[in-house]
N, C-alpha and C. Protein backbone atom coordinates (compact mmCIF):
# COMPACT_ATOMS: atom_id res chain seq x y z
N MET A 1 58.74 160.62 84.42
CA MET A 1 58.95 161.38 85.64
C MET A 1 57.65 162.08 86.06
N GLN A 2 56.95 162.63 85.07
CA GLN A 2 55.71 163.32 85.36
C GLN A 2 54.66 162.34 85.90
N ALA A 3 54.66 161.12 85.43
CA ALA A 3 53.73 160.09 85.91
C ALA A 3 54.01 159.77 87.37
N ILE A 4 55.26 159.74 87.75
CA ILE A 4 55.62 159.46 89.15
C ILE A 4 55.13 160.59 90.05
N HIS A 5 55.30 161.84 89.61
CA HIS A 5 54.82 162.98 90.39
C HIS A 5 53.30 162.95 90.54
N ALA A 6 52.61 162.58 89.49
CA ALA A 6 51.15 162.48 89.55
C ALA A 6 50.73 161.38 90.51
N MET A 7 51.44 160.25 90.51
CA MET A 7 51.12 159.15 91.43
C MET A 7 51.38 159.56 92.88
N ILE A 8 52.47 160.27 93.12
CA ILE A 8 52.78 160.73 94.48
C ILE A 8 51.71 161.71 94.96
N ALA A 9 51.30 162.61 94.08
CA ALA A 9 50.25 163.57 94.44
C ALA A 9 48.95 162.85 94.74
N ALA A 10 48.60 161.84 93.95
CA ALA A 10 47.36 161.09 94.19
C ALA A 10 47.40 160.36 95.51
N VAL A 11 48.54 159.73 95.81
CA VAL A 11 48.69 159.02 97.09
C VAL A 11 48.60 160.00 98.26
N ALA A 12 49.27 161.14 98.13
CA ALA A 12 49.24 162.14 99.20
C ALA A 12 47.82 162.64 99.45
N LEU A 13 47.06 162.88 98.38
CA LEU A 13 45.68 163.35 98.54
C LEU A 13 44.79 162.29 99.18
N SER A 14 45.10 161.03 99.00
CA SER A 14 44.26 159.98 99.60
C SER A 14 44.40 159.94 101.11
N PHE A 15 45.47 160.52 101.65
CA PHE A 15 45.66 160.52 103.10
C PHE A 15 45.17 161.80 103.77
N VAL A 16 44.69 162.74 102.99
CA VAL A 16 44.19 164.00 103.55
C VAL A 16 42.86 163.72 104.25
N GLN A 17 42.76 164.12 105.51
CA GLN A 17 41.55 163.95 106.30
C GLN A 17 40.64 165.16 106.11
N PRO A 18 39.32 164.99 106.19
CA PRO A 18 38.45 166.15 106.11
C PRO A 18 38.70 167.08 107.29
N ALA A 19 38.47 168.35 107.08
CA ALA A 19 38.68 169.34 108.14
C ALA A 19 37.76 169.04 109.32
N GLN A 20 38.29 169.14 110.51
CA GLN A 20 37.51 168.88 111.71
C GLN A 20 36.75 170.15 112.12
N ALA A 21 35.57 169.95 112.61
CA ALA A 21 34.79 171.07 113.12
C ALA A 21 35.32 171.45 114.49
N ALA A 22 34.92 172.59 114.97
CA ALA A 22 35.36 173.06 116.28
C ALA A 22 34.29 173.95 116.88
N THR A 23 34.51 174.36 118.12
CA THR A 23 33.52 175.16 118.82
C THR A 23 33.33 176.54 118.19
N THR A 24 34.23 176.96 117.32
CA THR A 24 34.08 178.26 116.67
C THR A 24 33.29 178.17 115.37
N ASP A 25 32.97 176.97 114.93
CA ASP A 25 32.18 176.80 113.71
C ASP A 25 30.73 177.17 113.96
N PRO A 26 29.99 177.51 112.89
CA PRO A 26 28.57 177.85 113.07
C PRO A 26 27.76 176.61 113.45
N GLU A 27 26.68 176.83 114.19
CA GLU A 27 25.80 175.72 114.56
C GLU A 27 24.95 175.32 113.36
N VAL A 28 24.71 174.01 113.24
CA VAL A 28 23.80 173.50 112.22
C VAL A 28 22.77 172.62 112.92
N LEU A 29 21.55 172.67 112.44
CA LEU A 29 20.48 171.83 112.99
C LEU A 29 20.78 170.38 112.66
N ILE A 30 20.79 169.51 113.68
CA ILE A 30 21.04 168.09 113.40
C ILE A 30 19.85 167.20 113.75
N TYR A 31 19.00 167.59 114.70
CA TYR A 31 17.84 166.78 115.07
C TYR A 31 16.65 167.65 115.45
N ARG A 32 15.48 167.06 115.30
CA ARG A 32 14.26 167.59 115.90
C ARG A 32 13.51 166.40 116.48
N PHE A 33 13.15 166.51 117.76
CA PHE A 33 12.41 165.46 118.45
C PHE A 33 11.00 165.96 118.80
N PRO A 34 9.98 165.47 118.10
CA PRO A 34 8.60 165.81 118.49
C PRO A 34 8.15 164.89 119.62
N GLY A 35 7.11 165.30 120.34
CA GLY A 35 6.55 164.47 121.41
C GLY A 35 7.16 164.71 122.77
N VAL A 36 7.85 165.83 122.95
CA VAL A 36 8.45 166.15 124.25
C VAL A 36 7.34 166.32 125.28
N PHE A 37 7.52 165.68 126.44
CA PHE A 37 6.50 165.74 127.49
C PHE A 37 7.16 165.88 128.85
N ASP A 38 6.62 166.76 129.64
CA ASP A 38 6.99 166.90 131.06
C ASP A 38 5.72 167.28 131.79
N ASN A 39 5.39 166.53 132.84
CA ASN A 39 4.14 166.79 133.55
C ASN A 39 4.21 168.00 134.47
N GLY A 40 5.37 168.63 134.56
CA GLY A 40 5.51 169.81 135.41
C GLY A 40 5.75 169.47 136.87
N GLY A 41 6.00 168.20 137.16
CA GLY A 41 6.22 167.76 138.53
C GLY A 41 7.57 168.16 139.07
N ASP A 42 7.74 167.95 140.37
CA ASP A 42 9.00 168.24 141.03
C ASP A 42 10.07 167.26 140.56
N ASP A 43 11.32 167.56 140.90
CA ASP A 43 12.43 166.69 140.55
C ASP A 43 12.23 165.29 141.13
N PHE A 44 12.65 164.30 140.37
CA PHE A 44 12.63 162.88 140.75
C PHE A 44 11.22 162.29 140.89
N ILE A 45 10.20 162.99 140.40
CA ILE A 45 8.84 162.43 140.36
C ILE A 45 8.20 162.81 139.03
N GLY A 46 7.13 162.14 138.69
CA GLY A 46 6.41 162.48 137.46
C GLY A 46 7.09 161.96 136.21
N THR A 47 6.90 162.68 135.12
CA THR A 47 7.40 162.28 133.81
C THR A 47 8.28 163.39 133.25
N ALA A 48 9.39 162.98 132.63
CA ALA A 48 10.32 163.94 132.03
C ALA A 48 10.79 163.39 130.69
N THR A 49 11.30 164.27 129.85
CA THR A 49 11.93 163.85 128.60
C THR A 49 13.43 164.03 128.75
N LEU A 50 14.17 163.01 128.32
CA LEU A 50 15.62 162.99 128.45
C LEU A 50 16.26 162.97 127.06
N PHE A 51 17.30 163.78 126.89
CA PHE A 51 18.06 163.84 125.64
C PHE A 51 19.49 163.41 125.92
N SER A 52 20.05 162.62 125.03
CA SER A 52 21.41 162.12 125.18
C SER A 52 22.14 162.26 123.85
N CYS A 53 23.25 163.00 123.84
CA CYS A 53 24.00 163.26 122.61
C CYS A 53 25.48 162.94 122.83
N THR A 54 26.08 162.22 121.89
CA THR A 54 27.50 161.86 121.96
C THR A 54 28.25 162.51 120.80
N ASN A 55 29.37 163.13 121.13
CA ASN A 55 30.24 163.79 120.17
C ASN A 55 31.30 162.80 119.70
N PHE A 56 31.36 162.54 118.39
CA PHE A 56 32.42 161.69 117.85
C PHE A 56 33.20 162.40 116.75
N SER A 57 33.31 163.72 116.85
CA SER A 57 33.96 164.52 115.81
C SER A 57 35.48 164.53 115.93
N GLY A 58 36.00 164.19 117.10
CA GLY A 58 37.45 164.22 117.30
C GLY A 58 37.93 165.46 118.02
N VAL A 59 37.06 166.47 118.14
CA VAL A 59 37.41 167.72 118.82
C VAL A 59 36.21 168.18 119.66
N PRO A 60 36.41 169.07 120.62
CA PRO A 60 35.27 169.59 121.39
C PRO A 60 34.28 170.33 120.50
N GLU A 61 32.99 170.19 120.81
CA GLU A 61 31.92 170.82 120.03
C GLU A 61 30.94 171.50 120.97
N ASN A 62 30.11 172.39 120.43
CA ASN A 62 29.01 173.01 121.17
C ASN A 62 27.72 172.32 120.74
N ILE A 63 26.82 172.10 121.69
CA ILE A 63 25.52 171.50 121.41
C ILE A 63 24.45 172.40 122.01
N ARG A 64 23.42 172.71 121.23
CA ARG A 64 22.32 173.57 121.68
C ARG A 64 21.01 172.78 121.64
N LEU A 65 20.21 172.92 122.71
CA LEU A 65 18.88 172.31 122.77
C LEU A 65 17.85 173.43 122.91
N VAL A 66 16.89 173.46 122.00
CA VAL A 66 15.84 174.48 122.01
C VAL A 66 14.49 173.76 122.08
N THR A 67 13.77 173.96 123.19
CA THR A 67 12.49 173.28 123.41
C THR A 67 11.34 174.27 123.28
N ARG A 68 10.30 173.82 122.58
CA ARG A 68 9.08 174.60 122.42
C ARG A 68 7.90 173.78 122.90
N SER A 69 6.89 174.47 123.39
CA SER A 69 5.67 173.80 123.85
C SER A 69 4.89 173.31 122.63
N GLY A 70 3.81 172.58 122.88
CA GLY A 70 2.95 172.11 121.81
C GLY A 70 2.32 173.24 121.00
N THR A 71 2.26 174.44 121.58
CA THR A 71 1.70 175.60 120.87
C THR A 71 2.78 176.42 120.18
N GLY A 72 4.04 176.00 120.30
CA GLY A 72 5.14 176.70 119.65
C GLY A 72 5.85 177.73 120.50
N THR A 73 5.40 177.91 121.74
CA THR A 73 6.03 178.89 122.63
C THR A 73 7.41 178.39 123.05
N LEU A 74 8.42 179.27 122.98
CA LEU A 74 9.77 178.92 123.40
C LEU A 74 9.77 178.65 124.90
N VAL A 75 10.25 177.46 125.28
CA VAL A 75 10.28 177.06 126.69
C VAL A 75 11.70 177.14 127.23
N ASN A 76 12.68 176.77 126.41
CA ASN A 76 14.06 176.74 126.87
C ASN A 76 15.00 176.78 125.67
N ASN A 77 16.13 177.46 125.85
CA ASN A 77 17.17 177.52 124.82
C ASN A 77 18.50 177.50 125.56
N ILE A 78 19.19 176.37 125.50
CA ILE A 78 20.44 176.22 126.25
C ILE A 78 21.54 175.72 125.35
N SER A 79 22.73 176.31 125.49
CA SER A 79 23.89 175.88 124.74
C SER A 79 24.93 175.34 125.72
N VAL A 80 25.47 174.18 125.39
CA VAL A 80 26.52 173.57 126.21
C VAL A 80 27.80 173.63 125.37
N THR A 81 28.82 174.29 125.89
CA THR A 81 30.05 174.48 125.13
C THR A 81 31.10 173.44 125.50
N ASP A 82 32.01 173.23 124.58
CA ASP A 82 33.18 172.36 124.78
C ASP A 82 32.83 170.94 125.21
N VAL A 83 31.88 170.31 124.52
CA VAL A 83 31.57 168.90 124.78
C VAL A 83 32.69 168.09 124.13
N ALA A 84 33.48 167.42 124.95
CA ALA A 84 34.69 166.73 124.48
C ALA A 84 34.36 165.54 123.58
N HIS A 85 35.34 165.15 122.79
CA HIS A 85 35.25 163.99 121.90
C HIS A 85 34.88 162.74 122.70
N LEU A 86 33.91 161.99 122.21
CA LEU A 86 33.40 160.75 122.80
C LEU A 86 32.71 160.96 124.15
N THR A 87 32.39 162.20 124.48
CA THR A 87 31.65 162.50 125.70
C THR A 87 30.16 162.52 125.37
N THR A 88 29.35 162.01 126.30
CA THR A 88 27.90 162.02 126.13
C THR A 88 27.30 163.10 127.01
N LEU A 89 26.56 163.99 126.38
CA LEU A 89 25.84 165.05 127.07
C LEU A 89 24.43 164.56 127.33
N THR A 90 23.99 164.61 128.58
CA THR A 90 22.63 164.18 128.93
C THR A 90 21.92 165.33 129.63
N ARG A 91 20.73 165.67 129.11
CA ARG A 91 19.90 166.71 129.72
C ARG A 91 18.46 166.23 129.73
N SER A 92 17.76 166.53 130.81
CA SER A 92 16.34 166.15 130.91
C SER A 92 15.52 167.40 131.23
N THR A 93 14.22 167.30 130.99
CA THR A 93 13.36 168.46 131.22
C THR A 93 13.27 168.80 132.70
N HIS A 94 13.38 167.80 133.57
CA HIS A 94 13.62 168.02 135.00
C HIS A 94 14.40 166.83 135.55
N LEU A 95 14.94 166.94 136.75
CA LEU A 95 15.82 165.90 137.28
C LEU A 95 15.12 164.55 137.39
N THR A 96 15.86 163.49 137.05
CA THR A 96 15.32 162.13 137.08
C THR A 96 16.20 161.25 137.95
N ALA A 97 15.63 160.18 138.49
CA ALA A 97 16.37 159.25 139.34
C ALA A 97 17.32 158.38 138.54
N SER A 98 16.98 158.09 137.28
CA SER A 98 17.80 157.16 136.50
C SER A 98 19.00 157.83 135.82
N TYR A 99 18.91 159.10 135.52
CA TYR A 99 20.01 159.83 134.89
C TYR A 99 20.31 161.06 135.71
N GLN A 100 21.44 161.03 136.40
CA GLN A 100 21.84 162.19 137.19
C GLN A 100 22.47 163.22 136.27
N GLY A 101 22.44 164.45 136.67
CA GLY A 101 23.09 165.48 135.86
C GLY A 101 22.27 166.73 135.74
N GLN A 102 22.55 167.46 134.70
CA GLN A 102 21.93 168.76 134.46
C GLN A 102 20.52 168.59 133.92
N PHE A 103 19.73 169.64 134.01
CA PHE A 103 18.37 169.58 133.49
C PHE A 103 18.05 170.88 132.77
N LEU A 104 16.98 170.83 131.97
CA LEU A 104 16.58 171.97 131.16
C LEU A 104 15.61 172.91 131.86
N ASN A 105 14.99 172.43 132.95
CA ASN A 105 14.07 173.26 133.73
C ASN A 105 12.96 173.87 132.85
N THR A 106 12.28 173.01 132.12
CA THR A 106 11.27 173.49 131.17
C THR A 106 9.91 173.74 131.80
N SER A 107 9.66 173.20 132.98
CA SER A 107 8.31 173.17 133.55
C SER A 107 7.44 172.27 132.69
N LYS A 108 6.13 172.46 132.73
CA LYS A 108 5.21 171.58 132.01
C LYS A 108 5.31 171.78 130.50
N VAL A 109 5.44 170.65 129.78
CA VAL A 109 5.46 170.66 128.31
C VAL A 109 4.61 169.49 127.85
N VAL A 110 3.63 169.76 127.01
CA VAL A 110 2.78 168.70 126.47
C VAL A 110 2.83 168.77 124.95
N GLY A 111 3.28 167.69 124.33
CA GLY A 111 3.35 167.65 122.87
C GLY A 111 4.32 168.65 122.28
N GLY A 112 5.40 168.90 122.99
CA GLY A 112 6.38 169.87 122.53
C GLY A 112 7.36 169.28 121.55
N THR A 113 8.35 170.08 121.21
CA THR A 113 9.40 169.65 120.29
C THR A 113 10.72 170.25 120.76
N THR A 114 11.80 169.50 120.56
CA THR A 114 13.13 170.01 120.87
C THR A 114 14.00 169.89 119.64
N ALA A 115 14.60 171.01 119.26
CA ALA A 115 15.57 171.03 118.16
C ALA A 115 16.96 170.97 118.77
N ILE A 116 17.83 170.18 118.17
CA ILE A 116 19.21 170.08 118.65
C ILE A 116 20.13 170.51 117.51
N ALA A 117 20.95 171.50 117.80
CA ALA A 117 21.93 172.01 116.84
C ALA A 117 23.32 171.82 117.44
N ALA A 118 24.32 171.78 116.59
CA ALA A 118 25.69 171.61 117.08
C ALA A 118 26.66 172.23 116.08
N THR A 119 27.91 172.35 116.49
CA THR A 119 28.95 172.89 115.62
C THR A 119 29.56 171.81 114.73
N SER A 120 28.99 170.61 114.74
CA SER A 120 29.41 169.52 113.87
C SER A 120 28.24 168.58 113.62
N THR A 121 28.24 167.93 112.48
CA THR A 121 27.23 166.90 112.22
C THR A 121 27.67 165.56 112.79
N ASN A 122 28.88 165.47 113.33
CA ASN A 122 29.40 164.23 113.89
C ASN A 122 28.97 164.05 115.34
N ILE A 123 27.69 164.19 115.56
CA ILE A 123 27.09 164.02 116.88
C ILE A 123 25.81 163.21 116.69
N ILE A 124 25.60 162.23 117.55
CA ILE A 124 24.37 161.45 117.49
C ILE A 124 23.57 161.70 118.76
N CYS A 125 22.25 161.72 118.63
CA CYS A 125 21.38 162.00 119.77
C CYS A 125 20.20 161.04 119.82
N THR A 126 19.73 160.78 121.03
CA THR A 126 18.51 160.04 121.26
C THR A 126 17.66 160.81 122.26
N ALA A 127 16.39 160.44 122.36
CA ALA A 127 15.50 161.07 123.34
C ALA A 127 14.48 160.04 123.79
N MET A 128 14.03 160.19 125.04
CA MET A 128 12.98 159.32 125.55
C MET A 128 12.20 160.03 126.64
N VAL A 129 10.93 159.69 126.72
CA VAL A 129 10.07 160.17 127.79
C VAL A 129 10.12 159.10 128.86
N ILE A 130 10.48 159.47 130.09
CA ILE A 130 10.70 158.47 131.14
C ILE A 130 9.98 158.84 132.44
N ASP A 131 9.83 157.82 133.27
CA ASP A 131 9.33 157.99 134.63
C ASP A 131 10.49 158.55 135.45
N ALA A 132 10.37 159.79 135.90
CA ALA A 132 11.45 160.47 136.59
C ALA A 132 11.76 159.88 137.96
N ALA A 133 10.82 159.14 138.55
CA ALA A 133 11.02 158.57 139.88
C ALA A 133 11.72 157.22 139.85
N ASN A 134 11.73 156.55 138.72
CA ASN A 134 12.26 155.20 138.63
C ASN A 134 13.77 155.24 138.40
N ALA A 135 14.55 154.55 139.24
CA ALA A 135 16.00 154.51 139.10
C ALA A 135 16.43 153.70 137.87
N THR A 136 15.55 152.83 137.39
CA THR A 136 15.79 152.09 136.15
C THR A 136 15.03 152.80 135.04
N PRO A 137 15.74 153.19 133.96
CA PRO A 137 15.02 153.91 132.90
C PRO A 137 13.81 153.14 132.41
N ASP A 138 12.66 153.77 132.45
CA ASP A 138 11.40 153.14 132.06
C ASP A 138 10.59 154.19 131.30
N GLY A 139 10.42 153.95 130.00
CA GLY A 139 9.70 154.95 129.24
C GLY A 139 9.54 154.60 127.78
N VAL A 140 9.43 155.64 126.97
CA VAL A 140 9.15 155.50 125.54
C VAL A 140 10.19 156.30 124.76
N ALA A 141 10.84 155.64 123.79
CA ALA A 141 11.80 156.33 122.93
C ALA A 141 11.07 157.27 121.97
N LEU A 142 11.64 158.43 121.74
CA LEU A 142 11.09 159.37 120.77
C LEU A 142 11.85 159.22 119.46
N ARG A 143 11.14 159.33 118.37
CA ARG A 143 11.75 159.22 117.05
C ARG A 143 12.25 160.59 116.64
N GLY A 144 13.56 160.73 116.54
CA GLY A 144 14.15 161.99 116.11
C GLY A 144 14.23 162.07 114.60
N ILE A 145 14.05 163.26 114.10
CA ILE A 145 14.20 163.51 112.67
C ILE A 145 15.59 164.09 112.47
N ARG A 146 16.41 163.42 111.68
CA ARG A 146 17.80 163.83 111.48
C ARG A 146 17.91 164.81 110.31
N PHE A 147 18.55 165.93 110.56
CA PHE A 147 18.90 166.91 109.53
C PHE A 147 20.41 166.87 109.39
N ASN A 148 20.94 167.18 108.26
CA ASN A 148 22.40 167.26 108.07
C ASN A 148 23.12 166.02 108.63
N PRO A 149 22.92 164.86 108.04
CA PRO A 149 23.55 163.64 108.58
C PRO A 149 25.07 163.70 108.50
N ALA A 150 25.71 162.94 109.36
CA ALA A 150 27.16 162.83 109.33
C ALA A 150 27.56 162.19 108.00
N PRO A 151 28.63 162.67 107.39
CA PRO A 151 29.04 162.12 106.09
C PRO A 151 29.24 160.61 106.15
N GLY A 152 28.66 159.90 105.19
CA GLY A 152 28.81 158.45 105.11
C GLY A 152 27.95 157.67 106.06
N SER A 153 27.04 158.34 106.77
CA SER A 153 26.19 157.63 107.75
C SER A 153 24.79 157.46 107.21
N GLN A 154 24.07 156.54 107.84
CA GLN A 154 22.66 156.34 107.50
C GLN A 154 21.92 156.06 108.79
N GLU A 155 20.91 156.88 109.12
CA GLU A 155 20.14 156.67 110.34
C GLU A 155 18.73 156.30 110.00
């Protein structure tokens, strides 16, 4: 009888899902992207850096982007709350023709860095420096350094 109870307990534990993160959880650093560049031009012209992050945690999360200049001066610190499951958040240093949406309004940044933190590690991000005037994305991908990887993942 005791063996049956132990087997039932083992089976029940195998179906337990890990706790889901939420917007009330503390932020953890998940990425740092070096090489951030913005020529300081007006919207839809010049060069901008674009960040794209997708939430796959199963619940809404907060995502924070903190950009610093090449000399380390804080340029921008923005938090976006309640990013829904499977939603992609896109932000650029200034408005671009290829990706419509919100922008970070950083002004000129040369050789900067952007740290991305979130309330879950179940978020993936990419970044690229692009021609802001071109309706077709044209640019260079930035290599992000991943901190706190999602459990069971390899980037």
